[in-house]
Amino acid sequence: MSKQPNPNEAKLRDAFKEGFKQENFFRTIKREYKELQNFYLDDTKRNRLAEMGMLKRIFWTVVWLLKLMFLKLNPIRRLVLLVGLILSISSNFGGVENGSNLGLDLRFFGPLILLFVLMLELKDKLLARDELEAGRRVQIALMPERSPLVSGWDIWLYTHPANDVGGDLVDFYWINDKACGLALGDVSGKGLEAALFMAKLQATIRAYLTDFTSLGELAKKINRTFYRDSLPNKFASIVFAEFQQNSGTISLLNAGHMPPLILRGKELEEIETHAPAFGLMAENHFEAYDIFLEENDFLLLYSDGVTEARNDNGVFFGEKRLKDILQEQKPSDARQLGESIIRAIANFKQEAPFFDDISLAIIRKV
């Protein structure tokens, strides 16, 4: 009778094979090492390393990374890891004798202790990942349709978080049976904290938007609430665009956000910011202003993650590249223009990670 293959062994074997199949194995290792340095080392230490010779730089990189790694562990794991490292190093130099009286070989204890700490840290990471995944599902559920249907307008919305959850706000809402609006914002910071404040901001907007006929008064109330409920030095830049079906007029209110861009054929117009971001002060003045779009004119709202996307060399995508792409395009609809921008960012950054959330809202008059 033939022995049936163990499915768990097959999965483990396939998992290791997958790592060797990576085309850019060494580039990935190099990038992850760079991310490790960026996470543990501040700008001062990185600048000091850049001024050192190779051997000295390697030595101090190892020392600082180990020190900071220990500091980020809880006290018990810190002590256990120290014991594991001492046993591992001592056994390699013959400093640990075999525990023959106990029938144990102490040389194996060091690696086992290191593996134990690694498993504990991995367990914490997997639990956190599951929680973030649940948060991401909630964010996706709160997202509007990619292309909301509004008579007389062609709309395309997009957002991509840098981490599992993001701090960018992209929302579409109906004010009444004729008027609707978009909100695109960016809460300061990244990750879970920014995502929670983003959800709070979105809920606040939706709670207040039918209570005000003036976009300026709506913004004033939202700012007051955000300032009251947020943490110190926390703020949110945001731009609102409200319009009616089959109209060419859009009311804009920009509170400290990236300047919206209007594309009229090959001509590009930048609209300046007219108000501070939410949360900086309890009371501020906000005022909306109208723009008019002709047929096939485009309005682009975007987050700073678009222009601040970086490649492996740390070069920013930048406003100039964005504007050049817009003026080079002959888009037939909002989706085509948006996807050309996303494609250009992907080609520029290659395999570099996302450093910030990327969000776009494009409106075309039809």
Protein backbone atom coordinates (compact mmCIF):
# COMPACT_ATOMS: atom_id res chain seq x y z
CA MET A 1 0.00 0.00 0.00
CA SER A 2 1.53 3.34 -1.10
CA LYS A 3 2.05 6.08 1.46
CA GLN A 4 -0.17 9.14 0.95
CA PRO A 5 1.73 12.45 0.75
CA ASN A 6 1.33 14.74 3.74
CA PRO A 7 -0.49 17.89 2.55
CA ASN A 8 1.22 20.02 5.25
CA GLU A 9 4.67 18.90 4.07
CA ALA A 10 3.69 19.76 0.49
CA LYS A 11 2.53 23.23 1.56
CA LEU A 12 5.78 23.85 3.44
CA ARG A 13 7.86 22.69 0.48
CA ASP A 14 5.87 24.90 -1.91
CA ALA A 15 6.22 27.87 0.46
CA PHE A 16 10.03 27.61 0.38
CA LYS A 17 10.05 27.11 -3.40
CA GLU A 18 8.01 30.29 -3.82
CA GLY A 19 10.76 32.33 -2.19
CA PHE A 20 13.36 31.04 -4.64
CA LYS A 21 11.12 31.81 -7.61
CA GLN A 22 11.26 35.52 -6.97
CA GLU A 23 12.97 37.18 -9.92
CA ASN A 24 14.33 40.08 -7.88
CA PHE A 25 15.41 38.17 -4.76
CA PHE A 26 18.48 40.28 -3.98
CA ARG A 27 16.75 43.55 -4.85
CA THR A 28 13.92 42.61 -2.48
CA ILE A 29 16.38 41.82 0.32
CA LYS A 30 18.16 45.11 -0.28
CA ARG A 31 14.90 47.06 -0.21
CA GLU A 32 13.71 45.34 2.97
CA TYR A 33 17.06 46.06 4.63
CA LYS A 34 16.61 49.70 3.69
CA GLU A 35 13.08 49.65 5.14
CA LEU A 36 14.52 48.11 8.32
CA GLN A 37 16.96 51.00 8.65
CA ASN A 38 14.23 53.57 7.96
CA PHE A 39 12.03 52.02 10.64
CA TYR A 40 14.63 51.71 13.42
CA LEU A 41 17.07 54.54 12.67
CA ASP A 42 16.26 58.23 12.74
CA ASP A 43 17.65 60.79 10.29
CA THR A 44 20.55 61.69 12.59
CA LYS A 45 21.83 58.11 12.76
CA ARG A 46 21.34 57.54 9.03
CA ASN A 47 23.33 60.70 8.25
CA ARG A 48 26.12 59.60 10.60
CA LEU A 49 26.26 56.19 8.90
CA ALA A 50 26.54 57.84 5.49
CA GLU A 51 29.72 59.62 6.62
CA MET A 52 31.44 56.43 7.88
CA GLY A 53 33.67 53.97 6.08
CA MET A 54 32.25 50.60 5.10
CA LEU A 55 33.51 48.50 8.05
CA LYS A 56 32.65 51.15 10.62
CA ARG A 57 29.24 51.63 9.04
CA ILE A 58 28.48 47.88 9.18
CA PHE A 59 29.56 47.69 12.83
CA TRP A 60 27.46 50.63 14.00
CA THR A 61 24.46 49.58 11.91
CA VAL A 62 24.45 46.19 13.66
CA VAL A 63 24.94 47.79 17.10
CA TRP A 64 22.16 50.35 16.66
CA LEU A 65 19.71 47.91 15.09
CA LEU A 66 20.23 45.37 17.88
CA LYS A 67 19.91 48.03 20.57
CA LEU A 68 16.71 49.48 19.12
CA MET A 69 15.28 46.02 18.51
CA PHE A 70 15.78 45.17 22.19
CA LEU A 71 14.12 48.43 23.25
CA LYS A 72 11.00 47.66 21.19
CA LEU A 73 10.49 44.26 22.86
CA ASN A 74 8.56 43.92 26.10
CA PRO A 75 10.76 43.37 29.24
CA ILE A 76 10.31 39.57 29.45
CA ARG A 77 11.01 38.93 25.77
CA ARG A 78 13.95 41.32 25.94
CA LEU A 79 15.51 39.21 28.69
CA VAL A 80 14.74 35.90 26.97
CA LEU A 81 16.25 37.14 23.70
CA LEU A 82 19.40 38.29 25.52
CA VAL A 83 19.81 34.82 27.06
CA GLY A 84 19.30 33.21 23.65
CA LEU A 85 21.90 35.45 22.02
CA ILE A 86 24.45 34.80 24.80
CA LEU A 87 23.98 31.02 24.53
CA SER A 88 24.21 31.14 20.72
CA ILE A 89 27.37 33.26 20.68
CA SER A 90 29.03 31.36 23.55
CA SER A 91 28.40 27.97 21.96
CA ASN A 92 30.02 29.12 18.72
CA PHE A 93 33.18 30.09 20.62
CA GLY A 94 33.19 27.04 22.86
CA GLY A 95 31.99 28.96 25.88
CA VAL A 96 29.10 26.62 26.67
CA GLU A 97 29.83 23.12 27.82
CA ASN A 98 27.58 20.19 27.15
CA GLY A 99 25.15 19.49 29.96
CA SER A 100 26.11 15.84 30.01
CA ASN A 101 24.87 15.30 33.57
CA LEU A 102 21.39 16.24 32.43
CA GLY A 103 21.59 14.50 29.11
CA LEU A 104 21.19 17.84 27.32
CA ASP A 105 23.36 19.76 24.89
CA LEU A 106 23.18 23.43 25.82
CA ARG A 107 24.44 24.44 22.38
CA PHE A 108 20.94 23.91 21.00
CA PHE A 109 19.25 26.10 23.61
CA GLY A 110 20.37 29.43 22.10
CA PRO A 111 18.79 28.91 18.64
CA LEU A 112 15.68 27.41 20.23
CA ILE A 113 15.24 30.46 22.46
CA LEU A 114 15.71 32.79 19.48
CA LEU A 115 13.13 30.78 17.54
CA PHE A 116 10.75 30.98 20.50
CA VAL A 117 10.96 34.80 20.63
CA LEU A 118 10.54 34.97 16.85
CA MET A 119 7.38 32.85 17.08
CA LEU A 120 5.97 35.10 19.82
CA GLU A 121 6.60 38.23 17.74
CA LEU A 122 5.12 36.55 14.65
CA LYS A 123 2.03 35.59 16.64
CA ASP A 124 1.54 39.24 17.65
CA LYS A 125 2.02 40.36 14.07
CA LEU A 126 -0.52 37.87 12.72
CA LEU A 127 -3.09 38.94 15.33
CA ALA A 128 -2.51 42.59 14.44
CA ARG A 129 -2.75 41.75 10.73
CA ASP A 130 -6.12 40.05 11.25
CA GLU A 131 -7.41 43.13 13.07
CA LEU A 132 -6.11 45.41 10.32
CA GLU A 133 -7.69 43.19 7.69
CA ALA A 134 -11.02 43.54 9.49
CA GLY A 135 -10.48 47.31 9.51
CA ARG A 136 -9.70 47.25 5.80
CA ARG A 137 -12.95 45.41 5.08
CA VAL A 138 -14.81 48.12 6.96
CA GLN A 139 -13.03 50.84 4.96
CA ILE A 140 -13.90 49.11 1.69
CA ALA A 141 -17.54 48.85 2.79
CA LEU A 142 -17.55 52.62 3.48
CA MET A 143 -16.11 53.42 0.05
CA PRO A 144 -18.54 54.77 -2.57
CA GLU A 145 -18.90 53.24 -6.01
CA ARG A 146 -15.89 53.68 -8.26
CA SER A 147 -18.02 55.48 -10.87
CA PRO A 148 -21.15 57.08 -9.33
CA LEU A 149 -23.91 57.75 -11.87
CA VAL A 150 -24.86 61.43 -12.09
CA SER A 151 -26.69 62.81 -15.11
CA GLY A 152 -24.47 65.23 -17.04
CA TRP A 153 -21.27 64.16 -15.30
CA ASP A 154 -18.65 61.42 -15.64
CA ILE A 155 -17.01 60.57 -12.29
CA TRP A 156 -14.16 58.22 -11.32
CA LEU A 157 -12.94 57.66 -7.76
CA TYR A 158 -9.83 55.81 -6.57
CA THR A 159 -7.89 55.26 -3.36
CA HIS A 160 -5.00 52.97 -2.45
CA PRO A 161 -3.70 52.85 1.16
CA ALA A 162 0.05 52.71 1.76
CA ASN A 163 -0.54 50.21 4.58
CA ASP A 164 -3.36 47.79 5.36
CA VAL A 165 -5.62 50.70 6.24
CA GLY A 166 -5.33 54.29 5.11
CA GLY A 167 -5.99 57.82 6.28
CA ASP A 168 -7.31 59.21 2.99
CA LEU A 169 -10.98 60.03 2.63
CA VAL A 170 -12.75 59.59 -0.71
CA ASP A 171 -16.53 59.89 -0.51
CA PHE A 172 -19.53 60.60 -2.73
CA TYR A 173 -22.89 61.72 -1.33
CA TRP A 174 -26.31 62.91 -2.44
CA ILE A 175 -27.56 66.12 -0.83
CA ASN A 176 -31.04 65.88 -2.36
CA ASP A 177 -32.57 64.36 -5.49
CA LYS A 178 -30.72 66.83 -7.74
CA ALA A 179 -27.52 67.89 -5.94
CA CYS A 180 -24.57 65.72 -4.94
CA GLY A 181 -20.99 66.11 -3.84
CA LEU A 182 -17.52 64.66 -3.45
CA ALA A 183 -15.13 64.90 -0.54
CA LEU A 184 -11.44 64.02 -0.83
CA GLY A 185 -9.29 64.45 2.24
CA ASP A 186 -6.12 63.37 3.98
CA VAL A 187 -5.82 62.92 7.74
CA SER A 188 -2.32 63.60 9.08
CA GLY A 189 -0.30 60.50 9.89
CA LYS A 190 -0.61 56.97 8.57
CA GLY A 191 -1.92 53.57 9.50
CA LEU A 192 -4.61 52.69 12.01
CA GLU A 193 -4.66 56.01 13.87
CA ALA A 194 -5.23 57.98 10.66
CA ALA A 195 -7.81 55.43 9.48
CA LEU A 196 -9.85 55.82 12.68
CA PHE A 197 -9.86 59.61 12.37
CA MET A 198 -10.76 59.29 8.70
CA ALA A 199 -13.81 57.17 9.58
CA LYS A 200 -14.76 59.73 12.23
CA LEU A 201 -14.43 62.57 9.69
CA GLN A 202 -16.52 60.73 7.10
CA ALA A 203 -19.26 60.05 9.65
CA THR A 204 -19.24 63.71 10.73
CA ILE A 205 -19.60 64.93 7.14
CA ARG A 206 -22.50 62.59 6.45
CA ALA A 207 -24.20 63.54 9.71
CA TYR A 208 -24.06 67.30 9.00
CA LEU A 209 -24.31 67.66 5.22
CA THR A 210 -28.13 67.91 5.03
CA ASP A 211 -28.27 70.46 7.89
CA PHE A 212 -26.61 73.27 5.95
CA THR A 213 -27.37 74.95 2.64
CA SER A 214 -23.98 76.70 2.66
CA LEU A 215 -20.84 74.67 2.03
CA GLY A 216 -18.87 77.22 4.07
CA GLU A 217 -21.12 76.78 7.13
CA LEU A 218 -20.93 72.99 6.76
CA ALA A 219 -17.13 73.16 6.76
CA LYS A 220 -17.16 75.46 9.79
CA LYS A 221 -19.25 72.97 11.78
CA ILE A 222 -17.14 69.97 10.70
CA ASN A 223 -13.92 71.79 11.62
CA ARG A 224 -15.29 72.66 15.07
CA THR A 225 -16.24 69.02 15.72
CA PHE A 226 -12.97 67.63 14.38
CA TYR A 227 -10.95 70.04 16.52
CA ARG A 228 -12.97 69.10 19.61
CA ASP A 229 -12.70 65.32 19.14
CA SER A 230 -9.20 64.87 17.71
CA LEU A 231 -5.78 64.61 19.34
CA PRO A 232 -3.37 67.56 19.68
CA ASN A 233 -1.53 68.42 16.43
CA LYS A 234 -3.96 66.23 14.46
CA PHE A 235 -5.45 67.82 11.36
CA ALA A 236 -7.17 66.90 8.12
CA SER A 237 -6.88 68.63 4.77
CA ILE A 238 -9.98 68.25 2.59
CA VAL A 239 -11.57 69.53 -0.58
CA PHE A 240 -15.31 69.46 -1.30
CA ALA A 241 -16.89 69.60 -4.76
CA GLU A 242 -20.66 69.94 -4.95
CA PHE A 243 -22.73 70.12 -8.14
CA GLN A 244 -26.17 69.47 -9.59
CA GLN A 245 -27.24 67.08 -12.31
CA ASN A 246 -26.91 68.41 -15.87
CA SER A 247 -25.16 71.56 -14.68
CA GLY A 248 -21.74 72.87 -15.55
CA THR A 249 -21.08 74.65 -12.26
CA ILE A 250 -19.13 73.09 -9.38
CA SER A 251 -18.88 74.66 -5.93
CA LEU A 252 -15.43 74.03 -4.45
CA LEU A 253 -14.19 74.41 -0.91
CA ASN A 254 -10.54 73.63 -0.25
CA ALA A 255 -9.42 73.40 3.37
CA GLY A 256 -5.63 73.14 3.24
CA HIS A 257 -5.58 70.41 0.58
CA MET A 258 -3.64 69.99 -2.66
CA PRO A 259 -4.84 72.54 -5.27
CA PRO A 260 -7.45 71.02 -7.62
CA LEU A 261 -6.52 70.99 -11.30
CA ILE A 262 -8.76 71.75 -14.27
CA LEU A 263 -7.83 70.26 -17.63
CA ARG A 264 -9.36 72.10 -20.60
CA GLY A 265 -8.02 70.37 -23.68
CA LYS A 266 -4.26 70.87 -23.29
CA GLU A 267 -4.60 73.83 -20.95
CA LEU A 268 -4.09 73.19 -17.25
CA GLU A 269 -5.41 75.48 -14.53
CA GLU A 270 -4.47 75.21 -10.84
CA ILE A 271 -6.96 76.40 -8.23
CA GLU A 272 -5.38 77.81 -5.08
CA THR A 273 -6.25 76.85 -1.52
CA HIS A 274 -8.48 79.36 0.28
CA ALA A 275 -8.81 78.00 3.84
CA PRO A 276 -6.75 76.19 6.52
CA ALA A 277 -7.02 72.46 7.21
CA PHE A 278 -9.57 71.12 9.69
CA GLY A 279 -8.43 70.76 13.29
CA LEU A 280 -5.80 73.49 13.42
CA MET A 281 -8.08 75.96 15.23
CA ALA A 282 -11.52 75.65 16.78
CA GLU A 283 -12.92 78.56 14.76
CA ASN A 284 -12.06 79.37 11.16
CA HIS A 285 -13.66 80.98 8.16
CA PHE A 286 -14.45 78.78 5.17
CA GLU A 287 -15.83 79.98 1.87
CA ALA A 288 -16.81 78.09 -1.27
CA TYR A 289 -16.21 79.37 -4.79
CA ASP A 290 -17.69 78.33 -8.10
CA ILE A 291 -15.95 77.05 -11.21
CA PHE A 292 -17.55 76.31 -14.56
CA LEU A 293 -16.67 73.32 -16.75
CA GLU A 294 -17.36 73.16 -20.47
CA GLU A 295 -18.09 69.87 -22.20
CA ASN A 296 -15.14 67.42 -21.84
CA ASP A 297 -13.36 69.58 -19.28
CA PHE A 298 -11.87 67.61 -16.36
CA LEU A 299 -11.56 68.48 -12.68
CA LEU A 300 -8.89 66.53 -10.77
CA LEU A 301 -8.79 66.24 -6.97
CA TYR A 302 -5.88 64.28 -5.53
CA SER A 303 -3.99 63.55 -2.31
CA ASP A 304 -0.32 64.36 -1.70
CA GLY A 305 0.44 60.63 -1.97
CA VAL A 306 0.22 61.07 -5.76
CA THR A 307 3.01 63.65 -6.05
CA GLU A 308 5.01 62.22 -3.13
CA ALA A 309 5.20 58.67 -4.48
CA ARG A 310 8.90 57.68 -4.54
CA ASN A 311 11.06 55.24 -6.42
CA ASP A 312 13.90 53.10 -5.00
CA ASN A 313 16.28 56.09 -5.23
CA GLY A 314 14.01 58.27 -3.11
CA VAL A 315 13.04 60.52 -6.03
CA PHE A 316 9.52 61.99 -5.80
CA PHE A 317 6.98 61.60 -8.58
CA GLY A 318 6.34 65.33 -8.22
CA GLU A 319 3.81 67.86 -9.44
CA LYS A 320 5.63 68.43 -12.73
CA ARG A 321 5.30 64.78 -13.78
CA LEU A 322 1.62 64.83 -12.86
CA LYS A 323 0.96 67.98 -14.89
CA ASP A 324 2.98 66.69 -17.84
CA ILE A 325 0.93 63.47 -17.87
CA LEU A 326 -2.32 65.43 -17.80
CA GLN A 327 -1.30 67.64 -20.71
CA GLU A 328 -0.02 64.69 -22.76
CA GLN A 329 -3.26 62.74 -22.45
CA LYS A 330 -6.26 62.74 -24.78
CA PRO A 331 -8.66 60.99 -22.41
CA SER A 332 -12.13 60.05 -23.56
CA ASP A 333 -13.51 59.71 -20.04
CA ALA A 334 -12.66 60.18 -16.37
CA ARG A 335 -11.68 56.55 -15.83
CA GLN A 336 -9.16 56.58 -18.68
CA LEU A 337 -7.50 59.71 -17.31
CA GLY A 338 -7.38 58.30 -13.79
CA GLU A 339 -5.95 54.95 -14.84
CA SER A 340 -3.25 56.67 -16.91
CA ILE A 341 -2.13 58.55 -13.77
CA ILE A 342 -2.09 55.37 -11.66
CA ARG A 343 -0.19 53.53 -14.38
CA ALA A 344 2.39 56.32 -14.61
CA ILE A 345 2.95 56.21 -10.84
CA ALA A 346 3.37 52.42 -10.93
CA ASN A 347 5.89 52.66 -13.79
CA PHE A 348 7.79 55.38 -11.95
CA LYS A 349 8.10 53.76 -8.54
CA GLN A 350 8.60 50.19 -9.90
CA GLU A 351 8.97 47.89 -6.89
CA ALA A 352 9.42 50.61 -4.29
CA PRO A 353 6.79 50.51 -1.52
CA PHE A 354 4.02 53.05 -1.16
CA PHE A 355 5.05 55.73 1.34
CA ASP A 356 1.65 57.41 1.52
CA ASP A 357 -1.97 56.76 0.57
CA ILE A 358 -2.87 57.60 -3.03
CA SER A 359 -6.32 59.02 -3.80
CA LEU A 360 -7.94 60.54 -6.89
CA ALA A 361 -11.32 61.96 -7.78
CA ILE A 362 -11.90 62.96 -11.41
CA ILE A 363 -15.00 64.74 -12.69
CA ARG A 364 -15.71 65.31 -16.39
CA LYS A 365 -18.52 67.44 -17.82
CA VAL A 366 -20.50 65.51 -20.45
